[in-house]
Amino acid sequence: MIIINTTFHVERSIENNFCKWVRDEYVPSALASGILSEPGFSRILIEVQEDCSSFAVSFKTESIEDAVTWHDGHGAALRQSLHTKFGEKALFFSTYMDEQPL
């Protein structure tokens, strides 16, 4: 399984609206693509920048090709929506991970 994780750094002034956007728009839209499954939404406890909160949104998919297809297509549209809504108050980066057995 491949995990695609997007880490978001958001100004505290938009934190509640950002979390609502993730729950109401980002996750449902990502799942509707049919490529991703098993969403996760976590607050990162280490403060990266003063007056900012960090969050991680993760999904699982079958292959790296599926992850890249989603990220570069549907995911890009969602990230553009984020930028349109919040501008530079919300920044992000994505990471692909190969889940390993314990």
N, C-alpha and C. Protein backbone atom coordinates (compact mmCIF):
# COMPACT_ATOMS: atom_id res chain seq x y z
N MET A 1 0.84 -1.19 0.00
CA MET A 1 0.00 0.00 0.00
C MET A 1 0.88 1.25 0.00
N ILE A 2 0.44 2.23 -0.73
CA ILE A 2 1.12 3.53 -0.77
C ILE A 2 0.30 4.51 0.07
N ILE A 3 1.00 5.29 0.87
CA ILE A 3 0.36 6.36 1.64
C ILE A 3 0.77 7.67 1.00
N ILE A 4 -0.22 8.50 0.70
CA ILE A 4 0.06 9.86 0.24
C ILE A 4 -0.35 10.80 1.38
N ASN A 5 0.61 11.54 1.86
CA ASN A 5 0.41 12.44 3.00
C ASN A 5 0.67 13.87 2.56
N THR A 6 -0.27 14.75 2.87
CA THR A 6 -0.06 16.17 2.61
C THR A 6 -0.04 16.89 3.96
N THR A 7 1.06 17.58 4.19
CA THR A 7 1.22 18.36 5.42
C THR A 7 0.88 19.81 5.10
N PHE A 8 0.04 20.38 5.95
CA PHE A 8 -0.41 21.76 5.78
C PHE A 8 0.08 22.59 6.96
N HIS A 9 0.58 23.77 6.69
CA HIS A 9 0.93 24.76 7.72
C HIS A 9 -0.04 25.92 7.52
N VAL A 10 -0.85 26.21 8.54
CA VAL A 10 -1.89 27.22 8.41
C VAL A 10 -1.80 28.25 9.53
N GLU A 11 -2.07 29.48 9.19
CA GLU A 11 -2.11 30.52 10.22
C GLU A 11 -3.26 30.23 11.17
N ARG A 12 -3.03 30.48 12.44
CA ARG A 12 -4.06 30.18 13.44
C ARG A 12 -5.35 30.95 13.19
N SER A 13 -5.24 32.10 12.54
CA SER A 13 -6.45 32.91 12.27
C SER A 13 -7.44 32.20 11.35
N ILE A 14 -6.98 31.21 10.57
CA ILE A 14 -7.88 30.49 9.67
C ILE A 14 -8.05 29.02 10.07
N GLU A 15 -7.49 28.62 11.19
CA GLU A 15 -7.46 27.21 11.57
C GLU A 15 -8.84 26.55 11.55
N ASN A 16 -9.84 27.16 12.16
CA ASN A 16 -11.17 26.55 12.19
C ASN A 16 -11.76 26.41 10.80
N ASN A 17 -11.63 27.45 9.98
CA ASN A 17 -12.14 27.38 8.61
C ASN A 17 -11.38 26.36 7.78
N PHE A 18 -10.07 26.26 8.00
CA PHE A 18 -9.27 25.27 7.30
C PHE A 18 -9.73 23.86 7.65
N CYS A 19 -9.88 23.57 8.94
CA CYS A 19 -10.31 22.23 9.36
C CYS A 19 -11.68 21.89 8.79
N LYS A 20 -12.57 22.86 8.76
CA LYS A 20 -13.89 22.64 8.16
C LYS A 20 -13.74 22.32 6.67
N TRP A 21 -12.88 23.05 5.97
CA TRP A 21 -12.64 22.80 4.55
C TRP A 21 -12.10 21.39 4.32
N VAL A 22 -11.17 20.95 5.16
CA VAL A 22 -10.62 19.59 5.02
C VAL A 22 -11.74 18.56 5.18
N ARG A 23 -12.55 18.71 6.22
CA ARG A 23 -13.61 17.74 6.51
C ARG A 23 -14.75 17.77 5.49
N ASP A 24 -15.13 18.97 5.07
CA ASP A 24 -16.31 19.12 4.22
C ASP A 24 -16.02 19.06 2.73
N GLU A 25 -14.81 19.43 2.32
CA GLU A 25 -14.50 19.49 0.89
C GLU A 25 -13.35 18.58 0.47
N TYR A 26 -12.20 18.72 1.13
CA TYR A 26 -11.00 18.02 0.69
C TYR A 26 -11.16 16.50 0.78
N VAL A 27 -11.49 15.99 1.95
CA VAL A 27 -11.59 14.54 2.12
C VAL A 27 -12.71 13.95 1.27
N PRO A 28 -13.94 14.49 1.31
CA PRO A 28 -14.98 13.90 0.46
C PRO A 28 -14.64 13.93 -1.03
N SER A 29 -14.05 15.01 -1.50
CA SER A 29 -13.68 15.10 -2.90
C SER A 29 -12.57 14.11 -3.26
N ALA A 30 -11.59 13.98 -2.38
CA ALA A 30 -10.50 13.03 -2.62
C ALA A 30 -11.03 11.60 -2.69
N LEU A 31 -11.93 11.25 -1.78
CA LEU A 31 -12.50 9.90 -1.78
C LEU A 31 -13.37 9.66 -3.01
N ALA A 32 -14.07 10.69 -3.46
CA ALA A 32 -14.95 10.56 -4.63
C ALA A 32 -14.17 10.26 -5.90
N SER A 33 -12.87 10.52 -5.89
CA SER A 33 -12.04 10.22 -7.07
C SER A 33 -11.98 8.72 -7.34
N GLY A 34 -12.24 7.92 -6.31
CA GLY A 34 -12.19 6.47 -6.46
C GLY A 34 -10.77 5.90 -6.42
N ILE A 35 -9.78 6.75 -6.28
CA ILE A 35 -8.38 6.30 -6.26
C ILE A 35 -7.88 6.12 -4.84
N LEU A 36 -8.34 6.95 -3.92
CA LEU A 36 -7.83 6.97 -2.55
C LEU A 36 -8.82 6.34 -1.57
N SER A 37 -8.29 5.87 -0.45
CA SER A 37 -9.12 5.29 0.62
C SER A 37 -8.47 5.58 1.97
N GLU A 38 -9.14 5.20 3.02
CA GLU A 38 -8.65 5.27 4.40
C GLU A 38 -8.08 6.64 4.78
N PRO A 39 -8.90 7.67 4.76
CA PRO A 39 -8.39 9.00 5.11
C PRO A 39 -7.99 9.10 6.58
N GLY A 40 -7.01 9.94 6.83
CA GLY A 40 -6.58 10.28 8.19
C GLY A 40 -6.37 11.77 8.27
N PHE A 41 -6.66 12.35 9.43
CA PHE A 41 -6.50 13.80 9.63
C PHE A 41 -5.91 13.99 11.01
N SER A 42 -4.71 14.56 11.09
CA SER A 42 -4.00 14.69 12.36
C SER A 42 -3.43 16.08 12.53
N ARG A 43 -3.42 16.53 13.78
CA ARG A 43 -2.72 17.77 14.12
C ARG A 43 -1.27 17.39 14.43
N ILE A 44 -0.33 18.14 13.91
CA ILE A 44 1.08 17.93 14.21
C ILE A 44 1.39 18.73 15.47
N LEU A 45 1.96 18.08 16.45
CA LEU A 45 2.12 18.69 17.76
C LEU A 45 3.33 19.60 17.90
N ILE A 46 4.27 19.50 17.00
CA ILE A 46 5.45 20.36 17.05
C ILE A 46 5.13 21.66 16.32
N GLU A 47 5.40 22.78 16.96
CA GLU A 47 5.16 24.07 16.33
C GLU A 47 6.30 24.38 15.38
N VAL A 48 5.97 24.52 14.10
CA VAL A 48 6.98 24.79 13.08
C VAL A 48 7.24 26.28 12.97
N GLN A 49 6.18 27.06 13.10
CA GLN A 49 6.30 28.50 12.98
C GLN A 49 5.33 29.14 13.97
N GLU A 50 5.76 30.23 14.59
CA GLU A 50 4.91 30.92 15.55
C GLU A 50 3.61 31.36 14.88
N ASP A 51 2.51 31.22 15.60
CA ASP A 51 1.17 31.61 15.13
C ASP A 51 0.67 30.75 13.98
N CYS A 52 1.23 29.55 13.82
CA CYS A 52 0.77 28.62 12.80
C CYS A 52 0.52 27.26 13.44
N SER A 53 -0.43 26.55 12.87
CA SER A 53 -0.69 25.16 13.25
C SER A 53 -0.39 24.29 12.04
N SER A 54 -0.01 23.05 12.30
CA SER A 54 0.28 22.13 11.20
C SER A 54 -0.61 20.92 11.31
N PHE A 55 -1.02 20.41 10.15
CA PHE A 55 -1.91 19.26 10.06
C PHE A 55 -1.41 18.33 8.97
N ALA A 56 -1.72 17.05 9.12
CA ALA A 56 -1.40 16.06 8.09
C ALA A 56 -2.68 15.38 7.66
N VAL A 57 -2.88 15.28 6.36
CA VAL A 57 -4.01 14.56 5.79
C VAL A 57 -3.42 13.43 4.96
N SER A 58 -3.82 12.21 5.27
CA SER A 58 -3.25 11.06 4.56
C SER A 58 -4.35 10.17 3.99
N PHE A 59 -3.97 9.48 2.92
CA PHE A 59 -4.85 8.50 2.28
C PHE A 59 -3.98 7.32 1.86
N LYS A 60 -4.63 6.20 1.59
CA LYS A 60 -3.93 5.04 1.05
C LYS A 60 -4.42 4.78 -0.36
N THR A 61 -3.52 4.20 -1.15
CA THR A 61 -3.85 3.81 -2.52
C THR A 61 -3.02 2.58 -2.88
N GLU A 62 -3.38 1.94 -3.96
CA GLU A 62 -2.77 0.67 -4.33
C GLU A 62 -1.35 0.78 -4.88
N SER A 63 -1.05 1.88 -5.59
CA SER A 63 0.26 1.95 -6.26
C SER A 63 0.77 3.39 -6.27
N ILE A 64 2.06 3.52 -6.48
CA ILE A 64 2.65 4.84 -6.61
C ILE A 64 2.10 5.55 -7.84
N GLU A 65 1.81 4.81 -8.90
CA GLU A 65 1.24 5.41 -10.10
C GLU A 65 -0.12 6.03 -9.81
N ASP A 66 -0.95 5.32 -9.01
CA ASP A 66 -2.26 5.88 -8.62
C ASP A 66 -2.08 7.13 -7.77
N ALA A 67 -1.12 7.10 -6.85
CA ALA A 67 -0.88 8.25 -5.98
C ALA A 67 -0.46 9.46 -6.81
N VAL A 68 0.45 9.27 -7.76
CA VAL A 68 0.92 10.36 -8.60
C VAL A 68 -0.22 10.87 -9.50
N THR A 69 -1.00 9.95 -10.06
CA THR A 69 -2.14 10.34 -10.90
C THR A 69 -3.10 11.22 -10.12
N TRP A 70 -3.43 10.81 -8.88
CA TRP A 70 -4.34 11.61 -8.07
C TRP A 70 -3.70 12.96 -7.72
N HIS A 71 -2.46 12.92 -7.23
CA HIS A 71 -1.78 14.14 -6.79
C HIS A 71 -1.68 15.17 -7.92
N ASP A 72 -1.32 14.73 -9.11
CA ASP A 72 -1.09 15.65 -10.23
C ASP A 72 -2.39 16.06 -10.92
N GLY A 73 -3.48 15.33 -10.70
CA GLY A 73 -4.75 15.65 -11.32
C GLY A 73 -5.74 16.22 -10.33
N HIS A 74 -6.52 15.34 -9.75
CA HIS A 74 -7.57 15.74 -8.80
C HIS A 74 -6.99 16.50 -7.61
N GLY A 75 -5.87 16.03 -7.09
CA GLY A 75 -5.24 16.68 -5.94
C GLY A 75 -4.80 18.10 -6.26
N ALA A 76 -4.29 18.32 -7.47
CA ALA A 76 -3.86 19.66 -7.86
C ALA A 76 -5.04 20.63 -7.87
N ALA A 77 -6.19 20.15 -8.32
CA ALA A 77 -7.39 21.00 -8.33
C ALA A 77 -7.81 21.35 -6.90
N LEU A 78 -7.72 20.39 -6.00
CA LEU A 78 -8.07 20.66 -4.61
C LEU A 78 -7.10 21.64 -3.97
N ARG A 79 -5.82 21.48 -4.26
CA ARG A 79 -4.84 22.40 -3.70
C ARG A 79 -5.02 23.81 -4.26
N GLN A 80 -5.45 23.91 -5.52
CA GLN A 80 -5.75 25.23 -6.09
C GLN A 80 -6.95 25.84 -5.38
N SER A 81 -7.93 25.02 -5.06
CA SER A 81 -9.09 25.49 -4.29
C SER A 81 -8.65 26.02 -2.93
N LEU A 82 -7.73 25.31 -2.29
CA LEU A 82 -7.18 25.75 -1.01
C LEU A 82 -6.51 27.11 -1.17
N HIS A 83 -5.69 27.25 -2.20
CA HIS A 83 -4.98 28.50 -2.42
C HIS A 83 -5.96 29.65 -2.71
N THR A 84 -6.99 29.37 -3.49
CA THR A 84 -7.99 30.39 -3.79
C THR A 84 -8.71 30.83 -2.52
N LYS A 85 -9.01 29.89 -1.65
CA LYS A 85 -9.77 30.18 -0.43
C LYS A 85 -8.92 30.88 0.64
N PHE A 86 -7.67 30.42 0.82
CA PHE A 86 -6.86 30.88 1.95
C PHE A 86 -5.58 31.62 1.55
N GLY A 87 -5.22 31.61 0.29
CA GLY A 87 -4.01 32.29 -0.16
C GLY A 87 -2.76 31.77 0.54
N GLU A 88 -1.87 32.67 0.90
CA GLU A 88 -0.60 32.30 1.53
C GLU A 88 -0.75 31.97 3.02
N LYS A 89 -1.97 31.99 3.53
CA LYS A 89 -2.20 31.64 4.93
C LYS A 89 -2.19 30.13 5.15
N ALA A 90 -2.18 29.36 4.07
CA ALA A 90 -2.13 27.90 4.15
C ALA A 90 -1.12 27.40 3.12
N LEU A 91 -0.06 26.78 3.60
CA LEU A 91 0.99 26.22 2.74
C LEU A 91 1.00 24.71 2.92
N PHE A 92 1.57 23.99 1.98
CA PHE A 92 1.51 22.53 2.04
C PHE A 92 2.67 21.90 1.28
N PHE A 93 2.92 20.62 1.57
CA PHE A 93 3.79 19.78 0.76
C PHE A 93 3.30 18.35 0.89
N SER A 94 3.55 17.55 -0.12
CA SER A 94 3.07 16.16 -0.12
C SER A 94 4.25 15.18 -0.11
N THR A 95 3.99 14.02 0.49
CA THR A 95 4.99 12.97 0.62
C THR A 95 4.34 11.64 0.25
N TYR A 96 5.04 10.82 -0.52
CA TYR A 96 4.59 9.46 -0.83
C TYR A 96 5.38 8.50 0.04
N MET A 97 4.68 7.54 0.65
CA MET A 97 5.34 6.57 1.53
C MET A 97 4.88 5.17 1.17
N ASP A 98 5.78 4.21 1.23
CA ASP A 98 5.48 2.80 0.96
C ASP A 98 5.29 2.12 2.31
N GLU A 99 4.06 1.71 2.60
CA GLU A 99 3.76 1.08 3.88
C GLU A 99 4.50 -0.25 3.99
N GLN A 100 5.18 -0.46 5.09
CA GLN A 100 5.98 -1.67 5.31
C GLN A 100 5.36 -2.53 6.41
N PRO A 101 5.45 -3.83 6.28
CA PRO A 101 4.95 -4.72 7.33
C PRO A 101 5.86 -4.62 8.57
N LEU A 102 5.26 -4.80 9.72
CA LEU A 102 6.06 -4.81 10.96
C LEU A 102 6.64 -6.17 11.20
